[in-house]
N, C-alpha and C. Protein backbone atom coordinates (compact mmCIF):
# COMPACT_ATOMS: atom_id res chain seq x y z
N MET A 1 82.44 105.30 144.71
CA MET A 1 81.35 105.83 143.91
C MET A 1 81.69 107.25 143.48
N ARG A 2 81.44 107.50 142.23
CA ARG A 2 81.74 108.84 141.73
C ARG A 2 80.50 109.71 141.60
N ASP A 3 79.36 109.08 141.44
CA ASP A 3 78.16 109.88 141.26
C ASP A 3 76.93 109.15 141.81
N LEU A 4 75.83 109.85 141.81
CA LEU A 4 74.60 109.32 142.39
C LEU A 4 74.10 108.09 141.65
N GLN A 5 74.21 108.06 140.34
CA GLN A 5 73.73 106.90 139.60
C GLN A 5 74.55 105.66 139.92
N GLN A 6 75.85 105.82 140.08
CA GLN A 6 76.68 104.67 140.47
C GLN A 6 76.25 104.16 141.84
N LEU A 7 75.95 105.07 142.75
CA LEU A 7 75.49 104.68 144.07
C LEU A 7 74.16 103.94 143.97
N MET A 8 73.24 104.45 143.16
CA MET A 8 71.95 103.79 142.98
C MET A 8 72.14 102.40 142.38
N ASP A 9 73.02 102.28 141.40
CA ASP A 9 73.28 100.98 140.78
C ASP A 9 73.88 100.00 141.79
N PHE A 10 74.79 100.48 142.61
CA PHE A 10 75.39 99.65 143.65
C PHE A 10 74.33 99.14 144.62
N ILE A 11 73.46 100.03 145.07
CA ILE A 11 72.38 99.65 145.99
C ILE A 11 71.45 98.65 145.32
N SER A 12 71.09 98.91 144.08
CA SER A 12 70.17 98.03 143.36
C SER A 12 70.74 96.63 143.18
N GLN A 13 72.04 96.55 142.94
CA GLN A 13 72.68 95.24 142.79
C GLN A 13 72.73 94.50 144.12
N ARG A 14 72.93 95.24 145.20
CA ARG A 14 73.06 94.64 146.53
C ARG A 14 71.71 94.20 147.09
N TYR A 15 70.68 95.00 146.85
CA TYR A 15 69.34 94.72 147.37
C TYR A 15 68.38 94.52 146.22
N GLN A 16 68.04 93.28 145.98
CA GLN A 16 67.13 92.97 144.88
C GLN A 16 65.86 92.34 145.44
N PHE A 17 64.75 92.73 144.86
CA PHE A 17 63.47 92.14 145.23
C PHE A 17 63.26 90.90 144.37
N THR A 18 63.60 89.74 144.92
CA THR A 18 63.44 88.47 144.21
C THR A 18 62.68 87.49 145.11
N PRO A 19 62.03 86.50 144.52
CA PRO A 19 61.34 85.48 145.34
C PRO A 19 62.29 84.72 146.26
N GLY A 20 63.57 84.65 145.89
CA GLY A 20 64.53 83.98 146.75
C GLY A 20 64.72 84.71 148.07
N THR A 21 64.68 86.03 148.01
CA THR A 21 64.85 86.86 149.20
C THR A 21 63.51 87.15 149.87
N TYR A 22 62.49 87.31 149.06
CA TYR A 22 61.14 87.65 149.54
C TYR A 22 60.15 86.64 148.95
N PRO A 23 59.89 85.55 149.66
CA PRO A 23 59.01 84.49 149.13
C PRO A 23 57.63 84.98 148.69
N ASP A 24 57.13 86.05 149.29
CA ASP A 24 55.80 86.56 148.91
C ASP A 24 55.75 87.06 147.47
N LEU A 25 56.90 87.26 146.85
CA LEU A 25 56.94 87.74 145.46
C LEU A 25 56.67 86.63 144.44
N ALA A 26 56.79 85.39 144.86
CA ALA A 26 56.62 84.26 143.93
C ALA A 26 55.25 84.32 143.27
N GLY A 27 55.26 84.29 141.96
CA GLY A 27 54.01 84.25 141.20
C GLY A 27 53.31 85.58 141.02
N LEU A 28 53.87 86.66 141.54
CA LEU A 28 53.22 87.96 141.38
C LEU A 28 53.55 88.57 140.03
N ASP A 29 52.59 89.33 139.48
CA ASP A 29 52.87 90.06 138.25
C ASP A 29 53.71 91.30 138.57
N ASP A 30 54.18 91.98 137.54
CA ASP A 30 55.10 93.11 137.74
C ASP A 30 54.47 94.23 138.58
N ASP A 31 53.17 94.48 138.40
CA ASP A 31 52.51 95.53 139.17
C ASP A 31 52.51 95.19 140.66
N ARG A 32 52.19 93.98 140.99
CA ARG A 32 52.17 93.57 142.40
C ARG A 32 53.58 93.50 142.98
N LYS A 33 54.55 93.14 142.18
CA LYS A 33 55.94 93.14 142.64
C LYS A 33 56.37 94.57 142.98
N GLN A 34 55.97 95.52 142.12
CA GLN A 34 56.32 96.91 142.40
C GLN A 34 55.61 97.40 143.67
N ARG A 35 54.36 97.02 143.85
CA ARG A 35 53.65 97.39 145.09
C ARG A 35 54.36 96.84 146.31
N PHE A 36 54.81 95.58 146.20
CA PHE A 36 55.55 94.98 147.31
C PHE A 36 56.82 95.79 147.59
N ALA A 37 57.55 96.14 146.54
CA ALA A 37 58.80 96.90 146.70
C ALA A 37 58.53 98.25 147.37
N ILE A 38 57.46 98.91 146.98
CA ILE A 38 57.10 100.19 147.58
C ILE A 38 56.78 100.00 149.06
N THR A 39 55.93 99.04 149.36
CA THR A 39 55.54 98.79 150.75
C THR A 39 56.74 98.41 151.60
N HIS A 40 57.58 97.54 151.06
CA HIS A 40 58.75 97.11 151.84
C HIS A 40 59.71 98.28 152.08
N SER A 41 59.88 99.12 151.08
CA SER A 41 60.72 100.31 151.25
C SER A 41 60.15 101.24 152.30
N VAL A 42 58.85 101.42 152.29
CA VAL A 42 58.19 102.28 153.29
C VAL A 42 58.38 101.70 154.70
N LEU A 43 58.31 100.39 154.82
CA LEU A 43 58.54 99.77 156.13
C LEU A 43 59.95 100.08 156.63
N HIS A 44 60.93 99.95 155.76
CA HIS A 44 62.31 100.26 156.16
C HIS A 44 62.46 101.73 156.52
N MET A 45 61.84 102.62 155.76
CA MET A 45 61.92 104.05 156.07
C MET A 45 61.22 104.37 157.38
N SER A 46 60.09 103.72 157.63
CA SER A 46 59.38 103.91 158.89
C SER A 46 60.23 103.45 160.07
N LYS A 47 60.90 102.34 159.89
CA LYS A 47 61.80 101.83 160.92
C LYS A 47 62.91 102.85 161.21
N SER A 48 63.47 103.43 160.17
CA SER A 48 64.50 104.46 160.35
C SER A 48 63.94 105.69 161.05
N LEU A 49 62.76 106.12 160.65
CA LEU A 49 62.14 107.27 161.31
C LEU A 49 61.92 107.01 162.79
N GLY A 50 61.54 105.79 163.12
CA GLY A 50 61.35 105.42 164.53
C GLY A 50 62.65 105.51 165.31
N GLN A 51 63.74 105.10 164.70
CA GLN A 51 65.04 105.18 165.37
C GLN A 51 65.47 106.63 165.57
N ILE A 52 65.22 107.47 164.58
CA ILE A 52 65.53 108.90 164.71
C ILE A 52 64.63 109.53 165.76
N ALA A 53 63.36 109.17 165.76
CA ALA A 53 62.42 109.69 166.75
C ALA A 53 62.84 109.30 168.16
N ALA A 54 63.34 108.09 168.33
CA ALA A 54 63.80 107.65 169.65
C ALA A 54 64.95 108.51 170.14
N GLU A 55 65.85 108.87 169.24
CA GLU A 55 66.97 109.74 169.62
C GLU A 55 66.46 111.13 169.99
N ALA A 56 65.52 111.65 169.20
CA ALA A 56 64.95 112.97 169.50
C ALA A 56 64.20 112.96 170.84
N GLU A 57 63.47 111.90 171.09
CA GLU A 57 62.74 111.81 172.35
C GLU A 57 63.70 111.75 173.53
N ARG A 58 64.77 111.00 173.38
CA ARG A 58 65.78 110.93 174.44
C ARG A 58 66.26 112.34 174.78
N ALA A 59 66.52 113.14 173.75
CA ALA A 59 66.97 114.52 173.97
C ALA A 59 65.89 115.36 174.64
N ASP A 60 64.62 115.15 174.24
CA ASP A 60 63.52 115.88 174.86
C ASP A 60 63.43 115.63 176.36
N HIS A 61 63.87 114.46 176.79
CA HIS A 61 63.81 114.09 178.21
C HIS A 61 65.13 114.36 178.92
N GLY A 62 65.99 115.16 178.30
CA GLY A 62 67.22 115.56 178.95
C GLY A 62 68.44 114.73 178.61
N GLY A 63 68.28 113.70 177.81
CA GLY A 63 69.41 112.86 177.42
C GLY A 63 70.14 113.43 176.22
N GLN A 64 71.11 112.69 175.78
CA GLN A 64 71.90 113.08 174.61
C GLN A 64 71.54 112.18 173.42
N MET A 65 71.43 112.81 172.26
CA MET A 65 71.23 112.02 171.05
C MET A 65 72.54 111.33 170.70
N ASP A 66 72.45 110.12 170.20
CA ASP A 66 73.62 109.35 169.79
C ASP A 66 73.92 109.68 168.32
N GLY A 67 74.97 110.44 168.10
CA GLY A 67 75.34 110.86 166.75
C GLY A 67 75.64 109.69 165.83
N ASP A 68 76.20 108.62 166.39
CA ASP A 68 76.50 107.44 165.57
C ASP A 68 75.22 106.78 165.07
N VAL A 69 74.21 106.71 165.93
CA VAL A 69 72.91 106.15 165.53
C VAL A 69 72.27 107.03 164.47
N LEU A 70 72.31 108.34 164.67
CA LEU A 70 71.72 109.26 163.71
C LEU A 70 72.43 109.17 162.35
N TYR A 71 73.73 109.05 162.38
CA TYR A 71 74.52 108.93 161.14
C TYR A 71 74.15 107.65 160.40
N ALA A 72 74.18 106.52 161.11
CA ALA A 72 73.89 105.23 160.48
C ALA A 72 72.45 105.18 159.98
N THR A 73 71.53 105.70 160.77
CA THR A 73 70.12 105.65 160.40
C THR A 73 69.83 106.56 159.21
N THR A 74 70.44 107.73 159.19
CA THR A 74 70.26 108.64 158.05
C THR A 74 70.82 108.01 156.78
N THR A 75 71.95 107.33 156.89
CA THR A 75 72.53 106.65 155.74
C THR A 75 71.61 105.54 155.25
N LYS A 76 71.07 104.75 156.17
CA LYS A 76 70.13 103.68 155.79
C LYS A 76 68.89 104.27 155.12
N MET A 77 68.42 105.40 155.61
CA MET A 77 67.26 106.04 155.02
C MET A 77 67.55 106.44 153.58
N LEU A 78 68.75 106.98 153.34
CA LEU A 78 69.12 107.34 151.97
C LEU A 78 69.17 106.10 151.08
N VAL A 79 69.72 105.02 151.58
CA VAL A 79 69.76 103.77 150.82
C VAL A 79 68.35 103.37 150.41
N ASN A 80 67.42 103.43 151.35
CA ASN A 80 66.04 103.03 151.06
C ASN A 80 65.35 103.98 150.09
N VAL A 81 65.61 105.26 150.20
CA VAL A 81 65.03 106.23 149.26
C VAL A 81 65.56 105.97 147.86
N LEU A 82 66.86 105.74 147.74
CA LEU A 82 67.43 105.50 146.42
C LEU A 82 66.99 104.16 145.84
N LYS A 83 66.81 103.16 146.68
CA LYS A 83 66.30 101.87 146.21
C LYS A 83 64.86 102.03 145.72
N LEU A 84 64.06 102.77 146.46
CA LEU A 84 62.68 103.01 146.04
C LEU A 84 62.65 103.76 144.71
N ALA A 85 63.47 104.78 144.59
CA ALA A 85 63.54 105.53 143.32
C ALA A 85 63.86 104.59 142.17
N ASP A 86 64.83 103.72 142.38
CA ASP A 86 65.20 102.76 141.34
C ASP A 86 64.03 101.84 141.00
N GLU A 87 63.34 101.35 142.00
CA GLU A 87 62.18 100.47 141.76
C GLU A 87 61.07 101.18 140.99
N LEU A 88 60.99 102.49 141.14
CA LEU A 88 59.97 103.28 140.44
C LEU A 88 60.45 103.75 139.07
N GLY A 89 61.69 103.38 138.72
CA GLY A 89 62.23 103.77 137.42
C GLY A 89 62.74 105.20 137.39
N ILE A 90 63.00 105.76 138.56
CA ILE A 90 63.53 107.13 138.65
C ILE A 90 65.06 107.03 138.67
N ARG A 91 65.69 107.68 137.73
CA ARG A 91 67.16 107.65 137.63
C ARG A 91 67.74 108.82 138.43
N ALA A 92 69.03 108.75 138.66
CA ALA A 92 69.71 109.81 139.40
C ALA A 92 69.52 111.16 138.72
N SER A 93 69.64 111.19 137.41
CA SER A 93 69.47 112.46 136.69
C SER A 93 68.07 113.03 136.89
N ASP A 94 67.07 112.16 137.00
CA ASP A 94 65.71 112.61 137.27
C ASP A 94 65.63 113.27 138.65
N LEU A 95 66.27 112.64 139.64
CA LEU A 95 66.26 113.20 140.99
C LEU A 95 66.98 114.54 141.04
N ILE A 96 68.11 114.61 140.36
CA ILE A 96 68.89 115.85 140.36
C ILE A 96 68.08 116.99 139.74
N THR A 97 67.32 116.69 138.72
CA THR A 97 66.46 117.70 138.10
C THR A 97 65.26 118.03 138.97
N ALA A 98 64.67 117.01 139.58
CA ALA A 98 63.43 117.19 140.33
C ALA A 98 63.62 117.94 141.65
N VAL A 99 64.73 117.72 142.33
CA VAL A 99 64.89 118.33 143.66
C VAL A 99 64.76 119.85 143.62
N PRO A 100 65.50 120.56 142.78
CA PRO A 100 65.31 122.03 142.77
C PRO A 100 63.90 122.45 142.38
N GLN A 101 63.27 121.69 141.47
CA GLN A 101 61.91 122.02 141.07
C GLN A 101 60.94 121.86 142.22
N VAL A 102 61.07 120.77 142.96
CA VAL A 102 60.19 120.53 144.11
C VAL A 102 60.42 121.58 145.18
N MET A 103 61.66 121.95 145.40
CA MET A 103 61.97 122.94 146.43
C MET A 103 61.44 124.32 146.06
N ARG A 104 61.42 124.63 144.78
CA ARG A 104 60.87 125.93 144.33
C ARG A 104 59.37 125.99 144.53
N SER A 105 58.70 124.85 144.42
CA SER A 105 57.23 124.83 144.49
C SER A 105 56.72 124.96 145.92
N LYS A 106 57.57 124.90 146.88
CA LYS A 106 57.13 124.99 148.29
C LYS A 106 57.25 126.38 148.82
């Protein structure tokens, strides 16, 4: 991959919201399909947050965080964020423009 849009396109091709993969999508209109995609993406992100939280909690109790788990989970989180952006019609160029703007507003 050479750029963010290529990465987004790769993810989008690999993970598609279709009735074949997600039977609940059968017969839904585009608005409901998008809602499903948002909800499903949030579930995946929540799952990733839980895995990161488990590593942080382990450290809070004197254990060591597993760097491999944190690496893999952070990567999966990025995949889900980029898939969600694609489902919402947000292109890589939009994200590149928006990030500095959002950071300035905080």
